[in-house]
């Protein structure tokens, strides 16, 4: 996969690892993906709470 400088910058800012290391090391990839899933679940919960407050 070709990655852009913007993708590299985002990986460094979000996860403090480079994209090449993410691709190369399975343990780093698992760490990043678990973190992404946690953030996604957290955001879904926040949206659901706000949505329920709006429809009272």
PDB file of N, CA and C in Angstrom:
ATOM      1  N   UNK A   1       0.844  -1.180   0.000  1.00  0.00           N
ATOM      2  CA  UNK A   1       0.000   0.000   0.000  1.00  0.00           C
ATOM      3  C   UNK A   1       0.888   1.241   0.000  1.00  0.00           C
ATOM      4  N   UNK A   2       0.542   2.181  -0.815  1.00  0.00           N
ATOM      5  CA  UNK A   2       1.243   3.461  -0.820  1.00  0.00           C
ATOM      6  C   UNK A   2       0.586   4.369   0.209  1.00  0.00           C
ATOM      7  N   UNK A   3       1.401   4.997   1.009  1.00  0.00           N
ATOM      8  CA  UNK A   3       0.845   5.913   1.992  1.00  0.00           C
ATOM      9  C   UNK A   3       1.434   7.297   1.786  1.00  0.00           C
ATOM     10  N   UNK A   4       0.650   8.279   2.158  1.00  0.00           N
ATOM     11  CA  UNK A   4       1.002   9.669   1.921  1.00  0.00           C
ATOM     12  C   UNK A   4       1.652  10.268   3.176  1.00  0.00           C
ATOM     13  N   UNK A   5       2.311  11.399   3.024  1.00  0.00           N
ATOM     14  CA  UNK A   5       2.854  12.087   4.208  1.00  0.00           C
ATOM     15  C   UNK A   5       1.765  12.444   5.225  1.00  0.00           C
ATOM     16  N   UNK A   6       0.561  12.708   4.725  1.00  0.00           N
ATOM     17  CA  UNK A   6      -0.542  13.024   5.632  1.00  0.00           C
ATOM     18  C   UNK A   6      -0.924  11.813   6.483  1.00  0.00           C
ATOM     19  N   UNK A   7      -0.887  10.629   5.862  1.00  0.00           N
ATOM     20  CA  UNK A   7      -1.179   9.406   6.606  1.00  0.00           C
ATOM     21  C   UNK A   7      -0.108   9.163   7.674  1.00  0.00           C
ATOM     22  N   UNK A   8       1.136   9.398   7.316  1.00  0.00           N
ATOM     23  CA  UNK A   8       2.239   9.234   8.267  1.00  0.00           C
ATOM     24  C   UNK A   8       2.080  10.196   9.444  1.00  0.00           C
ATOM     25  N   UNK A   9       1.755  11.441   9.138  1.00  0.00           N
ATOM     26  CA  UNK A   9       1.572  12.447  10.185  1.00  0.00           C
ATOM     27  C   UNK A   9       0.422  12.067  11.117  1.00  0.00           C
ATOM     28  N   UNK A  10      -0.662  11.587  10.547  1.00  0.00           N
ATOM     29  CA  UNK A  10      -1.817  11.192  11.351  1.00  0.00           C
ATOM     30  C   UNK A  10      -1.474  10.015  12.267  1.00  0.00           C
ATOM     31  N   UNK A  11      -0.739   9.050  11.752  1.00  0.00           N
ATOM     32  CA  UNK A  11      -0.336   7.898  12.572  1.00  0.00           C
ATOM     33  C   UNK A  11       0.562   8.357  13.726  1.00  0.00           C
ATOM     34  N   UNK A  12       1.499   9.242  13.433  1.00  0.00           N
ATOM     35  CA  UNK A  12       2.401   9.735  14.478  1.00  0.00           C
ATOM     36  C   UNK A  12       1.627  10.497  15.549  1.00  0.00           C
ATOM     37  N   UNK A  13       0.700  11.347  15.122  1.00  0.00           N
ATOM     38  CA  UNK A  13      -0.058  12.146  16.081  1.00  0.00           C
ATOM     39  C   UNK A  13      -1.029  11.301  16.899  1.00  0.00           C
ATOM     40  N   UNK A  14      -1.675  10.344  16.265  1.00  0.00           N
ATOM     41  CA  UNK A  14      -2.698   9.556  16.938  1.00  0.00           C
ATOM     42  C   UNK A  14      -2.142   8.413  17.776  1.00  0.00           C
ATOM     43  N   UNK A  15      -1.115   7.738  17.228  1.00  0.00           N
ATOM     44  CA  UNK A  15      -0.674   6.505  17.856  1.00  0.00           C
ATOM     45  C   UNK A  15       0.807   6.474  18.201  1.00  0.00           C
ATOM     46  N   UNK A  16       1.524   7.505  17.822  1.00  0.00           N
ATOM     47  CA  UNK A  16       2.952   7.645  18.121  1.00  0.00           C
ATOM     48  C   UNK A  16       3.821   6.527  17.533  1.00  0.00           C
ATOM     49  N   UNK A  17       3.386   6.028  16.375  1.00  0.00           N
ATOM     50  CA  UNK A  17       4.212   5.098  15.609  1.00  0.00           C
ATOM     51  C   UNK A  17       4.090   5.469  14.133  1.00  0.00           C
ATOM     52  N   UNK A  18       5.082   5.101  13.372  1.00  0.00           N
ATOM     53  CA  UNK A  18       5.049   5.367  11.949  1.00  0.00           C
ATOM     54  C   UNK A  18       4.219   4.341  11.206  1.00  0.00           C
ATOM     55  N   UNK A  19       3.781   4.723  10.017  1.00  0.00           N
ATOM     56  CA  UNK A  19       2.951   3.823   9.228  1.00  0.00           C
ATOM     57  C   UNK A  19       3.726   2.577   8.812  1.00  0.00           C
ATOM     58  N   UNK A  20       5.002   2.722   8.517  1.00  0.00           N
ATOM     59  CA  UNK A  20       5.815   1.564   8.129  1.00  0.00           C
ATOM     60  C   UNK A  20       5.901   0.556   9.276  1.00  0.00           C
ATOM     61  N   UNK A  21       6.069   1.048  10.493  1.00  0.00           N
ATOM     62  CA  UNK A  21       6.121   0.159  11.657  1.00  0.00           C
ATOM     63  C   UNK A  21       4.769  -0.510  11.877  1.00  0.00           C
ATOM     64  N   UNK A  22       3.692   0.235  11.665  1.00  0.00           N
ATOM     65  CA  UNK A  22       2.335  -0.303  11.780  1.00  0.00           C
ATOM     66  C   UNK A  22       2.147  -1.469  10.818  1.00  0.00           C
ATOM     67  N   UNK A  23       2.595  -1.298   9.582  1.00  0.00           N
ATOM     68  CA  UNK A  23       2.458  -2.357   8.583  1.00  0.00           C
ATOM     69  C   UNK A  23       3.346  -3.560   8.891  1.00  0.00           C
ATOM     70  N   UNK A  24       4.511  -3.324   9.449  1.00  0.00           N
ATOM     71  CA  UNK A  24       5.520  -4.361   9.620  1.00  0.00           C
ATOM     72  C   UNK A  24       5.308  -5.213  10.877  1.00  0.00           C
ATOM     73  N   UNK A  25       4.815  -4.632  11.948  1.00  0.00           N
ATOM     74  CA  UNK A  25       4.740  -5.338  13.234  1.00  0.00           C
ATOM     75  C   UNK A  25       3.290  -5.623  13.626  1.00  0.00           C
ATOM     76  N   UNK A  26       2.984  -6.898  13.734  1.00  0.00           N
ATOM     77  CA  UNK A  26       1.616  -7.314  14.049  1.00  0.00           C
ATOM     78  C   UNK A  26       1.166  -6.805  15.414  1.00  0.00           C
ATOM     79  N   UNK A  27       2.035  -6.841  16.410  1.00  0.00           N
ATOM     80  CA  UNK A  27       1.629  -6.388  17.741  1.00  0.00           C
ATOM     81  C   UNK A  27       1.275  -4.906  17.745  1.00  0.00           C
ATOM     82  N   UNK A  28       1.983  -4.101  16.962  1.00  0.00           N
ATOM     83  CA  UNK A  28       1.661  -2.671  16.857  1.00  0.00           C
ATOM     84  C   UNK A  28       0.332  -2.473  16.149  1.00  0.00           C
ATOM     85  N   UNK A  29       0.094  -3.271  15.111  1.00  0.00           N
ATOM     86  CA  UNK A  29      -1.160  -3.170  14.357  1.00  0.00           C
ATOM     87  C   UNK A  29      -2.345  -3.533  15.251  1.00  0.00           C
ATOM     88  N   UNK A  30      -2.198  -4.590  16.041  1.00  0.00           N
ATOM     89  CA  UNK A  30      -3.267  -5.000  16.951  1.00  0.00           C
ATOM     90  C   UNK A  30      -3.526  -3.910  17.986  1.00  0.00           C
ATOM     91  N   UNK A  31      -2.457  -3.320  18.528  1.00  0.00           N
ATOM     92  CA  UNK A  31      -2.591  -2.234  19.496  1.00  0.00           C
ATOM     93  C   UNK A  31      -3.374  -1.059  18.904  1.00  0.00           C
ATOM     94  N   UNK A  32      -2.985  -0.646  17.699  1.00  0.00           N
ATOM     95  CA  UNK A  32      -3.640   0.493  17.048  1.00  0.00           C
ATOM     96  C   UNK A  32      -5.102   0.179  16.759  1.00  0.00           C
ATOM     97  N   UNK A  33      -5.381  -1.013  16.249  1.00  0.00           N
ATOM     98  CA  UNK A  33      -6.761  -1.357  15.904  1.00  0.00           C
ATOM     99  C   UNK A  33      -7.644  -1.491  17.137  1.00  0.00           C
ATOM    100  N   UNK A  34      -7.118  -2.004  18.232  1.00  0.00           N
ATOM    101  CA  UNK A  34      -7.891  -2.059  19.480  1.00  0.00           C
ATOM    102  C   UNK A  34      -8.193  -0.662  19.978  1.00  0.00           C
ATOM    103  N   UNK A  35      -7.214   0.213  19.855  1.00  0.00           N
ATOM    104  CA  UNK A  35      -7.406   1.601  20.272  1.00  0.00           C
ATOM    105  C   UNK A  35      -8.445   2.308  19.408  1.00  0.00           C
ATOM    106  N   UNK A  36      -8.378   2.067  18.105  1.00  0.00           N
ATOM    107  CA  UNK A  36      -9.379   2.652  17.203  1.00  0.00           C
ATOM    108  C   UNK A  36     -10.774   2.158  17.537  1.00  0.00           C
ATOM    109  N   UNK A  37     -10.898   0.863  17.806  1.00  0.00           N
ATOM    110  CA  UNK A  37     -12.204   0.301  18.141  1.00  0.00           C
ATOM    111  C   UNK A  37     -12.738   0.904  19.436  1.00  0.00           C
ATOM    112  N   UNK A  38     -11.858   1.073  20.420  1.00  0.00           N
ATOM    113  CA  UNK A  38     -12.258   1.682  21.692  1.00  0.00           C
ATOM    114  C   UNK A  38     -12.747   3.116  21.476  1.00  0.00           C
ATOM    115  N   UNK A  39     -12.025   3.886  20.681  1.00  0.00           N
ATOM    116  CA  UNK A  39     -12.421   5.271  20.401  1.00  0.00           C
ATOM    117  C   UNK A  39     -13.753   5.317  19.653  1.00  0.00           C
ATOM    118  N   UNK A  40     -13.944   4.397  18.712  1.00  0.00           N
ATOM    119  CA  UNK A  40     -15.184   4.329  17.951  1.00  0.00           C
ATOM    120  C   UNK A  40     -16.361   4.023  18.877  1.00  0.00           C
ATOM    121  N   UNK A  41     -16.196   3.022  19.752  1.00  0.00           N
ATOM    122  CA  UNK A  41     -17.259   2.662  20.690  1.00  0.00           C
ATOM    123  C   UNK A  41     -17.586   3.818  21.627  1.00  0.00           C
ATOM    124  N   UNK A  42     -16.552   4.505  22.085  1.00  0.00           N
ATOM    125  CA  UNK A  42     -16.736   5.652  22.974  1.00  0.00           C
ATOM    126  C   UNK A  42     -17.531   6.762  22.275  1.00  0.00           C
ATOM    127  N   UNK A  43     -17.195   7.039  21.030  1.00  0.00           N
ATOM    128  CA  UNK A  43     -17.906   8.074  20.271  1.00  0.00           C
ATOM    129  C   UNK A  43     -19.356   7.688  20.014  1.00  0.00           C
ATOM    130  N   UNK A  44     -19.593   6.412  19.696  1.00  0.00           N
ATOM    131  CA  UNK A  44     -20.968   5.958  19.482  1.00  0.00           C
ATOM    132  C   UNK A  44     -21.801   6.136  20.736  1.00  0.00           C
ATOM    133  N   UNK A  45     -21.212   5.863  21.894  1.00  0.00           N
ATOM    134  CA  UNK A  45     -21.929   6.025  23.163  1.00  0.00           C
ATOM    135  C   UNK A  45     -22.278   7.496  23.401  1.00  0.00           C
ATOM    136  N   UNK A  46     -21.332   8.379  23.138  1.00  0.00           N
ATOM    137  CA  UNK A  46     -21.563   9.817  23.323  1.00  0.00           C
ATOM    138  C   UNK A  46     -22.670  10.299  22.395  1.00  0.00           C
ATOM    139  N   UNK A  47     -22.631   9.865  21.141  1.00  0.00           N
ATOM    140  CA  UNK A  47     -23.665  10.268  20.178  1.00  0.00           C
ATOM    141  C   UNK A  47     -25.034   9.753  20.620  1.00  0.00           C
ATOM    142  N   UNK A  48     -25.089   8.529  21.111  1.00  0.00           N
ATOM    143  CA  UNK A  48     -26.360   7.970  21.572  1.00  0.00           C
ATOM    144  C   UNK A  48     -26.899   8.764  22.760  1.00  0.00           C
ATOM    145  N   UNK A  49     -26.018   9.157  23.670  1.00  0.00           N
ATOM    146  CA  UNK A  49     -26.456   9.956  24.824  1.00  0.00           C
ATOM    147  C   UNK A  49     -26.991  11.308  24.386  1.00  0.00           C
ATOM    148  N   UNK A  50     -26.291  11.958  23.481  1.00  0.00           N
ATOM    149  CA  UNK A  50     -26.748  13.273  22.992  1.00  0.00           C
ATOM    150  C   UNK A  50     -28.057  13.124  22.241  1.00  0.00           C
ATOM    151  N   UNK A  51     -28.150  12.090  21.419  1.00  0.00           N
ATOM    152  CA  UNK A  51     -29.379  11.849  20.653  1.00  0.00           C
ATOM    153  C   UNK A  51     -30.564  11.622  21.573  1.00  0.00           C
ATOM    154  N   UNK A  52     -30.365  10.870  22.641  1.00  0.00           N
ATOM    155  CA  UNK A  52     -31.470  10.609  23.565  1.00  0.00           C
ATOM    156  C   UNK A  52     -31.886  11.884  24.310  1.00  0.00           C
ATOM    157  N   UNK A  53     -30.950  12.774  24.569  1.00  0.00           N
ATOM    158  CA  UNK A  53     -31.268  14.030  25.238  1.00  0.00           C
ATOM    159  C   UNK A  53     -32.019  14.976  24.308  1.00  0.00           C
ATOM    160  N   UNK A  54     -31.714  14.921  23.022  1.00  0.00           N
ATOM    161  CA  UNK A  54     -32.382  15.792  22.067  1.00  0.00           C
ATOM    162  C   UNK A  54     -33.837  15.383  21.837  1.00  0.00           C
ATOM    163  N   UNK A  55     -34.133  14.116  22.005  1.00  0.00           N
ATOM    164  CA  UNK A  55     -35.471  13.607  21.698  1.00  0.00           C
ATOM    165  C   UNK A  55     -36.334  13.422  22.930  1.00  0.00           C
ATOM    166  N   UNK A  56     -36.031  14.121  24.000  1.00  0.00           N
ATOM    167  CA  UNK A  56     -36.866  14.053  25.215  1.00  0.00           C
ATOM    168  C   UNK A  56     -38.080  14.914  25.069  1.00  0.00           C
TER     169      UNK A  56
END
